[in-house]
Structures are given as structure tokens and as C-alpha cells.
Amino acid sequence: MILVTVGTQLPFDRLIKAVDTFAKDLTRPVLAQIGKGTYTPQNMKWIKNIEPADFDQVFRDANVIVSHAGIGTVLTAKRFGKPIILVPRKAALGEHRNDHQLATVSQLAGRPGIYVAQSDNELKDYLLQDLDSPSHEDVSDTSRTSLVNYLKDYLAAG
């Protein structure tokens, strides 16, 4: 299963529409958590939010995660050893207050198990592949701390 998650704070209809457009061409079923979005998917199963009690099981059941560049989702995907495709929200499109998600993906791109899609075509190409998962050794307290510190510094700089 492909799990698409956009978080709970802001809508991300661009991502949901993109996956919905080519969901029928994919070999795996798709479950999309659409949050506060207004677009209703036609080609994939969807829910507004994942209940906290179900969250871990939904991640375990997924083969790949597609997400906004939320660091919590990145760390959860790593914890469960799942490849993650990040689609950053863009301030210019009204998807966030600033472009910190673009900064986040610039720091994460190329790490094992993390794939960055800057376009719908890149996203579809990744979803049609068998992506490598991160190994559990890739998740270290040092790398996590360094990433968290980078994000704190970036956000503090405004």
C-alpha cells in the first residue's frame, strides 16, 4: 500500500490531486490522509485523519510513504524502515507561510530511503519504482539531533 499523508495543520490539495490523478495507473492501492483539504479523491481510498491508535499500524502496512516535508513524518518513516517521497509545500502557492519545507528537502535529499519530488512527473516516476528503504542503522541520534538543530536554527532565522 502507498500511504499519502499531509499532516493535520494545513491542507495540501496539490499533492492529493497529483496522486489521485495517476492512482489508477499504480500497481499498489493508495490510502490518502487528506487532512483539511477540500479536494475529494476519486481514484484512491481516503480519510480525513488517521486516528492516533491506528497510526503505527497504518505505517507498518504501507510499502512507501508520500508526504509533505514534515519532519515528524520523515522520522516516523525512518523508524518503521519505510521509503518516503517528500513533496514540499510552497509558500508561493499559498501552501505554507514560508519555504522552510524547501529548505528541509534540500538537507534531506540523497539520504537513504528519502526521495524528493519537485514535480508531478517526478512523483509518478518514484511511485512506479520499487524504492529502497532506509536501514534502521541510518537513524542515529546524532543525525536526528543535527537535523533538529538545523531546523531550529532555520526557523529562528525567520
Protein backbone atom coordinates (compact mmCIF):
# COMPACT_ATOMS: atom_id res chain seq x y z
CA MET A 1 0.00 0.00 0.00
CA ILE A 2 1.04 3.57 -0.67
CA LEU A 3 0.27 5.91 2.22
CA VAL A 4 -0.13 9.60 1.40
CA THR A 5 -0.16 11.90 4.41
CA VAL A 6 -0.41 15.68 4.52
CA GLY A 7 -0.47 16.25 8.27
CA THR A 8 -3.26 17.84 10.25
CA GLN A 9 -2.44 21.56 10.28
CA LEU A 10 -2.78 22.71 6.67
CA PRO A 11 -4.46 21.43 3.50
CA PHE A 12 -2.26 20.15 0.68
CA ASP A 13 -4.68 19.59 -2.20
CA ARG A 14 -1.91 19.85 -4.82
CA LEU A 15 -0.33 16.65 -3.50
CA ILE A 16 -3.64 14.81 -3.11
CA LYS A 17 -4.78 15.78 -6.63
CA ALA A 18 -1.45 14.69 -8.14
CA VAL A 19 -1.55 11.23 -6.57
CA ASP A 20 -5.26 10.85 -7.32
CA THR A 21 -4.63 11.65 -10.99
CA PHE A 22 -2.38 8.64 -11.51
CA ALA A 23 -3.54 6.33 -8.69
CA LYS A 24 -5.40 4.18 -11.21
CA ASP A 25 -2.08 3.53 -13.03
CA LEU A 26 -0.32 2.25 -9.91
CA THR A 27 0.01 -1.43 -9.03
CA ARG A 28 -0.48 -0.86 -5.29
CA PRO A 29 -3.56 0.51 -3.56
CA VAL A 30 -3.34 4.04 -2.18
CA LEU A 31 -4.64 5.37 1.13
CA ALA A 32 -4.58 9.16 1.43
CA GLN A 33 -4.90 11.11 4.66
CA ILE A 34 -6.22 14.42 3.29
CA GLY A 35 -6.43 16.46 6.50
CA LYS A 36 -8.08 19.85 6.00
CA GLY A 37 -8.06 19.61 2.21
CA THR A 38 -11.17 20.32 0.18
CA TYR A 39 -10.40 18.09 -2.81
CA THR A 40 -12.22 14.73 -2.71
CA PRO A 41 -10.14 11.95 -4.31
CA GLN A 42 -11.87 9.82 -6.95
CA ASN A 43 -9.27 7.11 -7.62
CA MET A 44 -7.98 6.18 -4.18
CA LYS A 45 -9.24 5.43 -0.71
CA TRP A 46 -9.06 8.44 1.59
CA ILE A 47 -9.65 9.55 5.17
CA LYS A 48 -9.53 12.99 6.77
CA ASN A 49 -7.20 11.95 9.58
CA ILE A 50 -5.53 8.82 10.89
CA GLU A 51 -6.65 8.05 14.42
CA PRO A 52 -3.70 8.06 16.85
CA ALA A 53 -4.50 4.46 17.88
CA ASP A 54 -4.24 3.35 14.22
CA PHE A 55 -1.23 5.44 13.22
CA ASP A 56 1.55 2.89 13.84
CA GLN A 57 -0.36 0.06 12.13
CA VAL A 58 -1.10 2.17 9.05
CA PHE A 59 2.63 2.98 8.76
CA ARG A 60 3.55 -0.70 9.23
CA ASP A 61 1.13 -1.73 6.47
CA ALA A 62 2.49 0.80 3.97
CA ASN A 63 5.18 -0.09 1.44
CA VAL A 64 6.00 3.56 0.77
CA ILE A 65 5.05 6.89 2.32
CA VAL A 66 4.29 10.05 0.33
CA SER A 67 4.24 13.21 2.41
CA HIS A 68 4.71 16.92 2.74
CA ALA A 69 8.16 17.66 4.13
CA GLY A 70 7.07 17.40 7.76
CA ILE A 71 9.96 16.26 9.91
CA GLY A 72 7.72 14.17 12.17
CA THR A 73 6.59 12.08 9.21
CA VAL A 74 10.18 11.73 7.98
CA LEU A 75 11.31 10.42 11.36
CA THR A 76 8.33 8.06 11.60
CA ALA A 77 9.07 6.62 8.14
CA LYS A 78 12.68 6.07 9.17
CA ARG A 79 11.59 4.44 12.44
CA PHE A 80 9.48 1.93 10.52
CA GLY A 81 12.09 1.46 7.78
CA LYS A 82 9.82 2.81 5.03
CA PRO A 83 10.96 4.76 1.98
CA ILE A 84 9.44 8.22 1.89
CA ILE A 85 8.77 10.53 -1.03
CA LEU A 86 8.70 14.16 0.05
CA VAL A 87 6.73 16.79 -1.82
CA PRO A 88 7.48 20.17 -0.22
CA ARG A 89 4.74 22.71 0.29
CA LYS A 90 5.47 26.01 -1.46
CA ALA A 91 4.74 29.42 0.00
CA ALA A 92 4.32 30.92 -3.49
CA LEU A 93 1.34 28.59 -4.00
CA GLY A 94 -0.20 29.53 -0.65
CA GLU A 95 0.57 26.12 0.84
CA HIS A 96 2.56 27.44 3.80
CA ARG A 97 3.72 30.66 5.43
CA ASN A 98 7.31 30.31 4.21
CA ASP A 99 9.52 27.92 2.27
CA HIS A 100 11.04 26.03 5.19
CA GLN A 101 9.92 22.75 3.58
CA LEU A 102 12.09 23.52 0.55
CA ALA A 103 14.99 24.08 2.93
CA THR A 104 14.17 20.82 4.70
CA VAL A 105 14.21 18.75 1.50
CA SER A 106 17.47 20.38 0.42
CA GLN A 107 19.03 18.96 3.60
CA LEU A 108 17.37 15.54 3.30
CA ALA A 109 17.73 14.85 -0.43
CA GLY A 110 20.02 11.93 -1.14
CA ARG A 111 19.77 10.36 2.30
CA PRO A 112 19.00 6.63 2.21
CA GLY A 113 15.29 5.97 1.80
CA ILE A 114 14.38 9.63 1.22
CA TYR A 115 13.24 10.77 -2.22
CA VAL A 116 12.29 14.34 -3.14
CA ALA A 117 9.71 15.03 -5.85
CA GLN A 118 9.63 18.62 -7.07
CA SER A 119 7.11 17.88 -9.84
CA ASP A 120 4.14 15.62 -10.52
CA ASN A 121 6.22 13.70 -13.08
CA GLU A 122 8.97 13.02 -10.53
CA LEU A 123 6.36 11.88 -8.02
CA LYS A 124 4.77 9.47 -10.50
CA ASP A 125 8.19 8.12 -11.55
CA TYR A 126 9.07 7.39 -7.92
CA LEU A 127 5.72 5.70 -7.28
CA LEU A 128 6.23 3.40 -10.25
CA GLN A 129 9.59 2.22 -8.86
CA ASP A 130 10.48 -0.19 -6.08
CA LEU A 131 12.21 2.30 -3.81
CA ASP A 132 14.94 1.32 -1.39
CA SER A 133 14.05 1.51 2.28
CA PRO A 134 16.36 3.10 4.81
CA SER A 135 18.09 0.63 7.07
CA HIS A 136 17.49 1.08 10.75
CA GLU A 137 21.21 1.85 11.18
CA ASP A 138 20.62 5.03 9.16
CA VAL A 139 18.60 6.51 12.01
CA SER A 140 21.04 7.73 14.61
CA ASP A 141 20.62 10.10 17.50
CA THR A 142 23.47 12.17 16.06
CA SER A 143 21.87 12.64 12.64
CA ARG A 144 18.47 13.26 14.21
CA THR A 145 19.93 15.85 16.59
CA SER A 146 21.82 17.55 13.79
CA LEU A 147 18.68 17.75 11.64
CA VAL A 148 16.57 19.08 14.51
CA ASN A 149 19.22 21.71 15.30
CA TYR A 150 19.36 22.76 11.65
CA LEU A 151 15.58 23.15 11.55
CA LYS A 152 15.53 25.12 14.81
CA ASP A 153 18.22 27.49 13.50
CA TYR A 154 16.41 27.91 10.19
CA LEU A 155 13.08 28.65 11.82
CA ALA A 156 14.66 31.04 14.33
CA ALA A 157 16.22 32.98 11.46
CA GLY A 158 12.68 33.58 10.18
